[in-house]
């Protein structure tokens, strides 16, 4: 199996979520029983719910932006391909723009992996902390959890990228970091064939990422909606309990013939 390109990347949209989730390693994120324990203890229940809810909304917006950027890069790479077909080789100035776009594409793919990791970890944390969340029903197929669904998304995305690179005679290591990506692109820029190969691979990966980001956006949106529904139901239970307490303690005091006055005693 090819080595995965983005296995060490951790990206979170939302500064507060970054500060908290930095305490958890990606290797530990898959376990609801232990992976999330380290940082769930840093927050009380109310802070945790507020933090995750706000972060989920921010991440949802971030995925939308990433999808739009990937689409822009896909379209731009197609323009470069058409330019190369009409000239012997792209000039250095244009190739510098190509390198920048391909490196941005690598970065976007890494951000997608980080977002999936973050949302998967959030699902594990809430299931660990709140039984009501763990029992909350979703519309995911086959009774799957959000955590496992994000992990499957990540694996599919990494394998798809690695497969595309392998088909072009490239390796995942060549596009695993900014340094290795730029080094590979500089080598490929020496010939028109190398330039065309880079553009074609980049275009294929961009198209794949657009499709995968659209799936990720749908998954994040569904999880965000579910979190909101769960939070509202949890708040409704608290409001009902408070109303019942107020009704009990504000009830009129009645005298009992020959006995004591009934009143709350602390």
C-alpha atoms as a PDB file:
ATOM      1  CA  UNK A   1       0.000   0.000   0.000  1.00  0.00           C
ATOM      2  CA  UNK A   2       1.449   3.415  -0.896  1.00  0.00           C
ATOM      3  CA  UNK A   3       2.418   5.654   1.951  1.00  0.00           C
ATOM      4  CA  UNK A   4      -0.327   8.183   2.592  1.00  0.00           C
ATOM      5  CA  UNK A   5       0.482  11.793   1.738  1.00  0.00           C
ATOM      6  CA  UNK A   6      -1.296  13.674   4.483  1.00  0.00           C
ATOM      7  CA  UNK A   7      -1.337  11.330   7.472  1.00  0.00           C
ATOM      8  CA  UNK A   8       0.427  13.808   9.771  1.00  0.00           C
ATOM      9  CA  UNK A   9      -1.600  16.906   8.921  1.00  0.00           C
ATOM     10  CA  UNK A  10      -3.870  18.416  11.583  1.00  0.00           C
ATOM     11  CA  UNK A  11      -5.923  21.410  10.535  1.00  0.00           C
ATOM     12  CA  UNK A  12      -8.820  22.931  12.445  1.00  0.00           C
ATOM     13  CA  UNK A  13     -11.012  25.856  11.451  1.00  0.00           C
ATOM     14  CA  UNK A  14     -11.593  27.995  14.538  1.00  0.00           C
ATOM     15  CA  UNK A  15      -8.820  29.268  16.773  1.00  0.00           C
ATOM     16  CA  UNK A  16     -10.410  27.998  19.971  1.00  0.00           C
ATOM     17  CA  UNK A  17     -10.776  24.485  18.598  1.00  0.00           C
ATOM     18  CA  UNK A  18      -7.131  24.551  17.518  1.00  0.00           C
ATOM     19  CA  UNK A  19      -5.959  25.320  21.028  1.00  0.00           C
ATOM     20  CA  UNK A  20      -7.947  22.465  22.515  1.00  0.00           C
ATOM     21  CA  UNK A  21      -7.500  19.785  19.907  1.00  0.00           C
ATOM     22  CA  UNK A  22      -3.738  20.267  19.778  1.00  0.00           C
ATOM     23  CA  UNK A  23      -3.594  18.128  22.913  1.00  0.00           C
ATOM     24  CA  UNK A  24      -4.790  15.068  20.989  1.00  0.00           C
ATOM     25  CA  UNK A  25      -2.663  13.098  18.562  1.00  0.00           C
ATOM     26  CA  UNK A  26      -4.197  11.784  15.299  1.00  0.00           C
ATOM     27  CA  UNK A  27      -3.320   8.229  16.330  1.00  0.00           C
ATOM     28  CA  UNK A  28      -5.521   8.542  19.392  1.00  0.00           C
ATOM     29  CA  UNK A  29      -8.451  10.218  17.708  1.00  0.00           C
ATOM     30  CA  UNK A  30     -10.147   7.039  16.582  1.00  0.00           C
ATOM     31  CA  UNK A  31     -11.026   5.765  20.038  1.00  0.00           C
ATOM     32  CA  UNK A  32     -13.996   7.196  21.870  1.00  0.00           C
ATOM     33  CA  UNK A  33     -12.921   5.441  25.032  1.00  0.00           C
ATOM     34  CA  UNK A  34      -9.409   6.830  25.248  1.00  0.00           C
ATOM     35  CA  UNK A  35      -8.492   9.068  22.332  1.00  0.00           C
ATOM     36  CA  UNK A  36     -10.478  12.081  23.462  1.00  0.00           C
ATOM     37  CA  UNK A  37      -9.993  11.734  27.225  1.00  0.00           C
ATOM     38  CA  UNK A  38      -6.972  14.015  27.430  1.00  0.00           C
ATOM     39  CA  UNK A  39      -8.684  17.216  26.408  1.00  0.00           C
ATOM     40  CA  UNK A  40     -12.290  16.556  27.440  1.00  0.00           C
ATOM     41  CA  UNK A  41     -11.117  17.029  31.008  1.00  0.00           C
ATOM     42  CA  UNK A  42     -10.059  20.598  30.212  1.00  0.00           C
ATOM     43  CA  UNK A  43     -13.628  21.826  29.792  1.00  0.00           C
ATOM     44  CA  UNK A  44     -16.835  21.537  31.721  1.00  0.00           C
ATOM     45  CA  UNK A  45     -19.899  20.275  29.884  1.00  0.00           C
ATOM     46  CA  UNK A  46     -21.313  23.686  29.042  1.00  0.00           C
ATOM     47  CA  UNK A  47     -17.996  24.981  27.677  1.00  0.00           C
ATOM     48  CA  UNK A  48     -17.509  21.833  25.627  1.00  0.00           C
ATOM     49  CA  UNK A  49     -20.936  22.022  23.994  1.00  0.00           C
ATOM     50  CA  UNK A  50     -20.543  25.717  23.193  1.00  0.00           C
ATOM     51  CA  UNK A  51     -17.048  25.239  21.782  1.00  0.00           C
ATOM     52  CA  UNK A  52     -17.898  22.281  19.557  1.00  0.00           C
ATOM     53  CA  UNK A  53     -21.101  23.876  18.282  1.00  0.00           C
ATOM     54  CA  UNK A  54     -19.376  27.119  17.273  1.00  0.00           C
ATOM     55  CA  UNK A  55     -16.400  25.267  15.783  1.00  0.00           C
ATOM     56  CA  UNK A  56     -18.671  23.026  13.722  1.00  0.00           C
ATOM     57  CA  UNK A  57     -20.306  26.090  12.171  1.00  0.00           C
ATOM     58  CA  UNK A  58     -16.896  27.599  11.364  1.00  0.00           C
ATOM     59  CA  UNK A  59     -15.666  24.337   9.856  1.00  0.00           C
ATOM     60  CA  UNK A  60     -18.798  24.089   7.728  1.00  0.00           C
ATOM     61  CA  UNK A  61     -17.992  27.491   6.236  1.00  0.00           C
ATOM     62  CA  UNK A  62     -14.360  26.497   5.796  1.00  0.00           C
ATOM     63  CA  UNK A  63     -15.262  23.397   3.765  1.00  0.00           C
ATOM     64  CA  UNK A  64     -17.391  25.542   1.465  1.00  0.00           C
ATOM     65  CA  UNK A  65     -14.444  27.876   0.873  1.00  0.00           C
ATOM     66  CA  UNK A  66     -12.058  24.976   0.255  1.00  0.00           C
ATOM     67  CA  UNK A  67     -14.439  23.458  -2.290  1.00  0.00           C
ATOM     68  CA  UNK A  68     -14.657  26.741  -4.180  1.00  0.00           C
ATOM     69  CA  UNK A  69     -10.865  27.138  -4.195  1.00  0.00           C
ATOM     70  CA  UNK A  70     -10.381  23.587  -5.501  1.00  0.00           C
ATOM     71  CA  UNK A  71     -12.827  24.332  -8.320  1.00  0.00           C
ATOM     72  CA  UNK A  72     -10.908  27.502  -9.204  1.00  0.00           C
ATOM     73  CA  UNK A  73      -7.611  25.588  -9.298  1.00  0.00           C
ATOM     74  CA  UNK A  74      -9.183  22.874 -11.444  1.00  0.00           C
ATOM     75  CA  UNK A  75     -10.331  25.460 -13.990  1.00  0.00           C
ATOM     76  CA  UNK A  76      -6.978  27.256 -13.958  1.00  0.00           C
ATOM     77  CA  UNK A  77      -5.036  24.043 -14.570  1.00  0.00           C
ATOM     78  CA  UNK A  78      -7.217  23.354 -17.609  1.00  0.00           C
ATOM     79  CA  UNK A  79      -6.254  26.793 -18.960  1.00  0.00           C
ATOM     80  CA  UNK A  80      -2.566  25.965 -18.474  1.00  0.00           C
ATOM     81  CA  UNK A  81      -3.022  22.667 -20.331  1.00  0.00           C
ATOM     82  CA  UNK A  82      -4.560  24.480 -23.282  1.00  0.00           C
ATOM     83  CA  UNK A  83      -1.701  26.992 -23.251  1.00  0.00           C
ATOM     84  CA  UNK A  84       0.893  24.207 -23.284  1.00  0.00           C
ATOM     85  CA  UNK A  85      -0.742  22.557 -26.282  1.00  0.00           C
ATOM     86  CA  UNK A  86      -0.118  25.730 -28.263  1.00  0.00           C
ATOM     87  CA  UNK A  87       3.503  26.246 -27.256  1.00  0.00           C
ATOM     88  CA  UNK A  88       6.644  24.155 -26.941  1.00  0.00           C
ATOM     89  CA  UNK A  89       6.960  24.771 -23.212  1.00  0.00           C
ATOM     90  CA  UNK A  90       5.430  27.091 -20.654  1.00  0.00           C
ATOM     91  CA  UNK A  91       7.705  30.026 -19.810  1.00  0.00           C
ATOM     92  CA  UNK A  92       9.154  30.261 -16.315  1.00  0.00           C
ATOM     93  CA  UNK A  93       6.766  33.004 -15.259  1.00  0.00           C
ATOM     94  CA  UNK A  94       3.702  30.920 -16.176  1.00  0.00           C
ATOM     95  CA  UNK A  95       5.209  27.756 -14.726  1.00  0.00           C
ATOM     96  CA  UNK A  96       5.726  29.579 -11.443  1.00  0.00           C
ATOM     97  CA  UNK A  97       1.969  30.148 -11.336  1.00  0.00           C
ATOM     98  CA  UNK A  98       1.427  26.454 -12.072  1.00  0.00           C
ATOM     99  CA  UNK A  99       3.689  25.468  -9.195  1.00  0.00           C
ATOM    100  CA  UNK A 100       1.818  27.819  -6.871  1.00  0.00           C
ATOM    101  CA  UNK A 101      -1.582  26.402  -7.868  1.00  0.00           C
ATOM    102  CA  UNK A 102      -0.439  22.783  -7.513  1.00  0.00           C
ATOM    103  CA  UNK A 103       1.060  23.511  -4.112  1.00  0.00           C
ATOM    104  CA  UNK A 104      -2.179  25.211  -3.049  1.00  0.00           C
ATOM    105  CA  UNK A 105      -4.041  22.100  -4.175  1.00  0.00           C
ATOM    106  CA  UNK A 106      -1.780  19.939  -2.007  1.00  0.00           C
ATOM    107  CA  UNK A 107      -2.472  22.284   0.915  1.00  0.00           C
ATOM    108  CA  UNK A 108      -6.240  22.129   0.371  1.00  0.00           C
ATOM    109  CA  UNK A 109      -6.147  18.341   0.359  1.00  0.00           C
ATOM    110  CA  UNK A 110      -4.230  18.441   3.632  1.00  0.00           C
ATOM    111  CA  UNK A 111      -6.789  20.827   5.135  1.00  0.00           C
ATOM    112  CA  UNK A 112      -9.575  18.451   4.163  1.00  0.00           C
ATOM    113  CA  UNK A 113      -7.823  15.647   6.007  1.00  0.00           C
ATOM    114  CA  UNK A 114      -7.431  17.852   9.071  1.00  0.00           C
ATOM    115  CA  UNK A 115     -11.090  18.850   9.036  1.00  0.00           C
ATOM    116  CA  UNK A 116     -12.171  15.206   8.861  1.00  0.00           C
ATOM    117  CA  UNK A 117      -9.887  14.412  11.786  1.00  0.00           C
ATOM    118  CA  UNK A 118     -11.262  17.311  13.837  1.00  0.00           C
ATOM    119  CA  UNK A 119     -14.928  16.504  13.248  1.00  0.00           C
ATOM    120  CA  UNK A 120     -14.311  12.815  13.886  1.00  0.00           C
ATOM    121  CA  UNK A 121     -12.656  13.680  17.185  1.00  0.00           C
ATOM    122  CA  UNK A 122     -15.525  15.998  18.125  1.00  0.00           C
ATOM    123  CA  UNK A 123     -17.950  13.128  17.571  1.00  0.00           C
ATOM    124  CA  UNK A 124     -15.858  10.839  19.791  1.00  0.00           C
ATOM    125  CA  UNK A 125     -15.607  13.464  22.530  1.00  0.00           C
ATOM    126  CA  UNK A 126     -19.333  14.170  22.680  1.00  0.00           C
ATOM    127  CA  UNK A 127     -20.177  10.466  22.701  1.00  0.00           C
ATOM    128  CA  UNK A 128     -17.775   9.966  25.576  1.00  0.00           C
ATOM    129  CA  UNK A 129     -19.060  12.915  27.615  1.00  0.00           C
ATOM    130  CA  UNK A 130     -22.808  12.754  26.939  1.00  0.00           C
ATOM    131  CA  UNK A 131     -24.852   9.553  26.909  1.00  0.00           C
ATOM    132  CA  UNK A 132     -27.731  11.437  25.295  1.00  0.00           C
ATOM    133  CA  UNK A 133     -25.476  12.332  22.350  1.00  0.00           C
ATOM    134  CA  UNK A 134     -24.198   8.755  22.052  1.00  0.00           C
ATOM    135  CA  UNK A 135     -27.803   7.536  21.843  1.00  0.00           C
ATOM    136  CA  UNK A 136     -28.872  10.230  19.382  1.00  0.00           C
ATOM    137  CA  UNK A 137     -30.011   8.731  16.086  1.00  0.00           C
ATOM    138  CA  UNK A 138     -28.631   9.907  12.753  1.00  0.00           C
ATOM    139  CA  UNK A 139     -29.510   9.207   9.142  1.00  0.00           C
ATOM    140  CA  UNK A 140     -26.107   7.759   8.267  1.00  0.00           C
ATOM    141  CA  UNK A 141     -26.269   4.474   6.340  1.00  0.00           C
ATOM    142  CA  UNK A 142     -25.932   1.136   8.111  1.00  0.00           C
ATOM    143  CA  UNK A 143     -25.978   2.785  11.506  1.00  0.00           C
ATOM    144  CA  UNK A 144     -22.462   4.149  11.010  1.00  0.00           C
ATOM    145  CA  UNK A 145     -21.089   6.828  13.320  1.00  0.00           C
ATOM    146  CA  UNK A 146     -19.799  10.175  12.138  1.00  0.00           C
ATOM    147  CA  UNK A 147     -16.385   9.222  13.483  1.00  0.00           C
ATOM    148  CA  UNK A 148     -16.079   6.094  11.346  1.00  0.00           C
ATOM    149  CA  UNK A 149     -17.597   7.847   8.327  1.00  0.00           C
ATOM    150  CA  UNK A 150     -14.964  10.591   8.481  1.00  0.00           C
ATOM    151  CA  UNK A 151     -12.228   7.987   8.766  1.00  0.00           C
ATOM    152  CA  UNK A 152     -13.556   6.218   5.681  1.00  0.00           C
ATOM    153  CA  UNK A 153     -13.659   9.548   3.841  1.00  0.00           C
ATOM    154  CA  UNK A 154     -10.038  10.247   4.758  1.00  0.00           C
ATOM    155  CA  UNK A 155      -8.873   6.825   3.644  1.00  0.00           C
ATOM    156  CA  UNK A 156     -10.707   7.066   0.334  1.00  0.00           C
ATOM    157  CA  UNK A 157      -9.313  10.533  -0.346  1.00  0.00           C
ATOM    158  CA  UNK A 158      -5.716   9.549   0.415  1.00  0.00           C
ATOM    159  CA  UNK A 159      -5.932   6.350  -1.606  1.00  0.00           C
ATOM    160  CA  UNK A 160      -7.462   8.178  -4.566  1.00  0.00           C
ATOM    161  CA  UNK A 161      -4.652  10.730  -4.636  1.00  0.00           C
ATOM    162  CA  UNK A 162      -2.002   8.049  -4.220  1.00  0.00           C
ATOM    163  CA  UNK A 163      -3.568   5.990  -7.030  1.00  0.00           C
ATOM    164  CA  UNK A 164      -3.586   8.974  -9.388  1.00  0.00           C
ATOM    165  CA  UNK A 165       0.068   9.699  -8.670  1.00  0.00           C
ATOM    166  CA  UNK A 166       1.052   6.071  -9.088  1.00  0.00           C
ATOM    167  CA  UNK A 167      -0.701   5.846 -12.464  1.00  0.00           C
ATOM    168  CA  UNK A 168       1.453   8.765 -13.629  1.00  0.00           C
ATOM    169  CA  UNK A 169       4.646   7.136 -12.395  1.00  0.00           C
ATOM    170  CA  UNK A 170       4.840   9.364  -9.323  1.00  0.00           C
ATOM    171  CA  UNK A 171       4.837   8.560  -5.629  1.00  0.00           C
ATOM    172  CA  UNK A 172       2.885   9.940  -2.708  1.00  0.00           C
ATOM    173  CA  UNK A 173       6.149  11.021  -1.097  1.00  0.00           C
ATOM    174  CA  UNK A 174       6.776  13.452  -3.946  1.00  0.00           C
ATOM    175  CA  UNK A 175       3.633  15.383  -2.962  1.00  0.00           C
ATOM    176  CA  UNK A 176       3.659  14.840   0.783  1.00  0.00           C
ATOM    177  CA  UNK A 177       4.991  18.285   1.723  1.00  0.00           C
ATOM    178  CA  UNK A 178       5.573  21.705   0.221  1.00  0.00           C
ATOM    179  CA  UNK A 179       9.319  21.082  -0.086  1.00  0.00           C
ATOM    180  CA  UNK A 180       9.004  17.735  -1.864  1.00  0.00           C
ATOM    181  CA  UNK A 181       6.173  19.030  -4.073  1.00  0.00           C
ATOM    182  CA  UNK A 182       8.165  22.029  -5.261  1.00  0.00           C
ATOM    183  CA  UNK A 183      11.231  19.853  -5.849  1.00  0.00           C
ATOM    184  CA  UNK A 184       9.207  17.443  -7.992  1.00  0.00           C
ATOM    185  CA  UNK A 185       7.638  20.263  -9.979  1.00  0.00           C
ATOM    186  CA  UNK A 186      11.012  21.875 -10.659  1.00  0.00           C
ATOM    187  CA  UNK A 187      12.232  18.604 -12.112  1.00  0.00           C
ATOM    188  CA  UNK A 188       9.113  18.181 -14.247  1.00  0.00           C
ATOM    189  CA  UNK A 189       9.388  21.735 -15.561  1.00  0.00           C
ATOM    190  CA  UNK A 190      12.496  20.884 -17.547  1.00  0.00           C
ATOM    191  CA  UNK A 191      10.497  19.430 -20.437  1.00  0.00           C
ATOM    192  CA  UNK A 192       7.138  19.953 -22.104  1.00  0.00           C
ATOM    193  CA  UNK A 193       6.250  16.322 -21.419  1.00  0.00           C
ATOM    194  CA  UNK A 194       7.022  16.788 -17.740  1.00  0.00           C
ATOM    195  CA  UNK A 195       4.971  19.939 -17.595  1.00  0.00           C
ATOM    196  CA  UNK A 196       2.021  18.275 -19.287  1.00  0.00           C
ATOM    197  CA  UNK A 197       2.209  15.309 -16.918  1.00  0.00           C
ATOM    198  CA  UNK A 198       2.172  17.624 -13.902  1.00  0.00           C
ATOM    199  CA  UNK A 199      -0.785  19.564 -15.274  1.00  0.00           C
ATOM    200  CA  UNK A 200      -2.759  16.427 -16.102  1.00  0.00           C
ATOM    201  CA  UNK A 201      -2.104  14.860 -12.703  1.00  0.00           C
ATOM    202  CA  UNK A 202      -2.958  18.123 -10.984  1.00  0.00           C
ATOM    203  CA  UNK A 203      -6.176  18.470 -12.944  1.00  0.00           C
ATOM    204  CA  UNK A 204      -7.234  14.914 -12.087  1.00  0.00           C
ATOM    205  CA  UNK A 205      -6.473  15.411  -8.403  1.00  0.00           C
ATOM    206  CA  UNK A 206      -8.309  18.754  -8.411  1.00  0.00           C
ATOM    207  CA  UNK A 207     -11.388  17.129  -9.941  1.00  0.00           C
ATOM    208  CA  UNK A 208     -11.241  14.321  -7.377  1.00  0.00           C
ATOM    209  CA  UNK A 209     -10.839  16.784  -4.528  1.00  0.00           C
ATOM    210  CA  UNK A 210     -13.816  18.863  -5.642  1.00  0.00           C
ATOM    211  CA  UNK A 211     -15.961  15.727  -5.553  1.00  0.00           C
ATOM    212  CA  UNK A 212     -14.558  14.648  -2.197  1.00  0.00           C
ATOM    213  CA  UNK A 213     -14.917  18.110  -0.667  1.00  0.00           C
ATOM    214  CA  UNK A 214     -18.546  18.183  -1.741  1.00  0.00           C
ATOM    215  CA  UNK A 215     -19.055  14.902   0.113  1.00  0.00           C
ATOM    216  CA  UNK A 216     -17.195  16.297   3.119  1.00  0.00           C
ATOM    217  CA  UNK A 217     -19.334  19.442   3.077  1.00  0.00           C
ATOM    218  CA  UNK A 218     -22.487  17.323   3.100  1.00  0.00           C
ATOM    219  CA  UNK A 219     -21.154  15.238   5.967  1.00  0.00           C
ATOM    220  CA  UNK A 220     -20.154  18.270   8.041  1.00  0.00           C
ATOM    221  CA  UNK A 221     -23.517  19.914   7.370  1.00  0.00           C
ATOM    222  CA  UNK A 222     -25.351  16.790   8.470  1.00  0.00           C
ATOM    223  CA  UNK A 223     -23.281  16.513  11.628  1.00  0.00           C
ATOM    224  CA  UNK A 224     -23.734  20.219  12.399  1.00  0.00           C
ATOM    225  CA  UNK A 225     -27.504  19.884  12.002  1.00  0.00           C
ATOM    226  CA  UNK A 226     -27.533  16.808  14.230  1.00  0.00           C
ATOM    227  CA  UNK A 227     -25.473  18.593  16.881  1.00  0.00           C
ATOM    228  CA  UNK A 228     -27.874  21.527  16.798  1.00  0.00           C
ATOM    229  CA  UNK A 229     -30.885  19.249  17.153  1.00  0.00           C
ATOM    230  CA  UNK A 230     -29.272  17.399  20.043  1.00  0.00           C
ATOM    231  CA  UNK A 231     -28.290  20.639  21.759  1.00  0.00           C
ATOM    232  CA  UNK A 232     -31.847  21.981  21.452  1.00  0.00           C
ATOM    233  CA  UNK A 233     -33.294  18.790  22.904  1.00  0.00           C
ATOM    234  CA  UNK A 234     -30.779  18.914  25.754  1.00  0.00           C
ATOM    235  CA  UNK A 235     -31.652  22.560  26.442  1.00  0.00           C
ATOM    236  CA  UNK A 236     -35.373  21.757  26.303  1.00  0.00           C
ATOM    237  CA  UNK A 237     -34.887  19.092  28.986  1.00  0.00           C
ATOM    238  CA  UNK A 238     -33.041  21.603  31.200  1.00  0.00           C
ATOM    239  CA  UNK A 239     -35.756  24.223  30.710  1.00  0.00           C
ATOM    240  CA  UNK A 240     -38.468  21.704  31.572  1.00  0.00           C
ATOM    241  CA  UNK A 241     -36.658  20.614  34.739  1.00  0.00           C
ATOM    242  CA  UNK A 242     -36.196  24.230  35.798  1.00  0.00           C
ATOM    243  CA  UNK A 243     -39.859  25.004  35.183  1.00  0.00           C
ATOM    244  CA  UNK A 244     -40.904  22.017  37.303  1.00  0.00           C
ATOM    245  CA  UNK A 245     -38.609  23.101  40.163  1.00  0.00           C
ATOM    246  CA  UNK A 246     -40.006  26.612  40.088  1.00  0.00           C
ATOM    247  CA  UNK A 247     -43.543  25.292  40.032  1.00  0.00           C
ATOM    248  CA  UNK A 248     -42.877  23.076  43.042  1.00  0.00           C
ATOM    249  CA  UNK A 249     -41.176  25.692  45.214  1.00  0.00           C
ATOM    250  CA  UNK A 250     -43.589  28.450  44.253  1.00  0.00           C
ATOM    251  CA  UNK A 251     -46.664  26.369  45.094  1.00  0.00           C
ATOM    252  CA  UNK A 252     -48.993  27.940  47.724  1.00  0.00           C
ATOM    253  CA  UNK A 253     -48.525  26.838  51.345  1.00  0.00           C
ATOM    254  CA  UNK A 254     -51.672  25.227  52.800  1.00  0.00           C
ATOM    255  CA  UNK A 255     -52.485  24.948  56.515  1.00  0.00           C
ATOM    256  CA  UNK A 256     -53.324  21.519  57.869  1.00  0.00           C
ATOM    257  CA  UNK A 257     -55.849  21.412  60.741  1.00  0.00           C
ATOM    258  CA  UNK A 258     -54.147  20.425  63.977  1.00  0.00           C
ATOM    259  CA  UNK A 259     -50.737  20.097  62.377  1.00  0.00           C
ATOM    260  CA  UNK A 260     -47.785  22.070  61.214  1.00  0.00           C
ATOM    261  CA  UNK A 261     -47.587  24.324  58.210  1.00  0.00           C
ATOM    262  CA  UNK A 262     -46.220  22.476  55.196  1.00  0.00           C
ATOM    263  CA  UNK A 263     -43.275  24.310  53.778  1.00  0.00           C
ATOM    264  CA  UNK A 264     -39.933  23.397  52.239  1.00  0.00           C
ATOM    265  CA  UNK A 265     -37.269  22.626  54.839  1.00  0.00           C
ATOM    266  CA  UNK A 266     -33.562  22.767  54.006  1.00  0.00           C
END
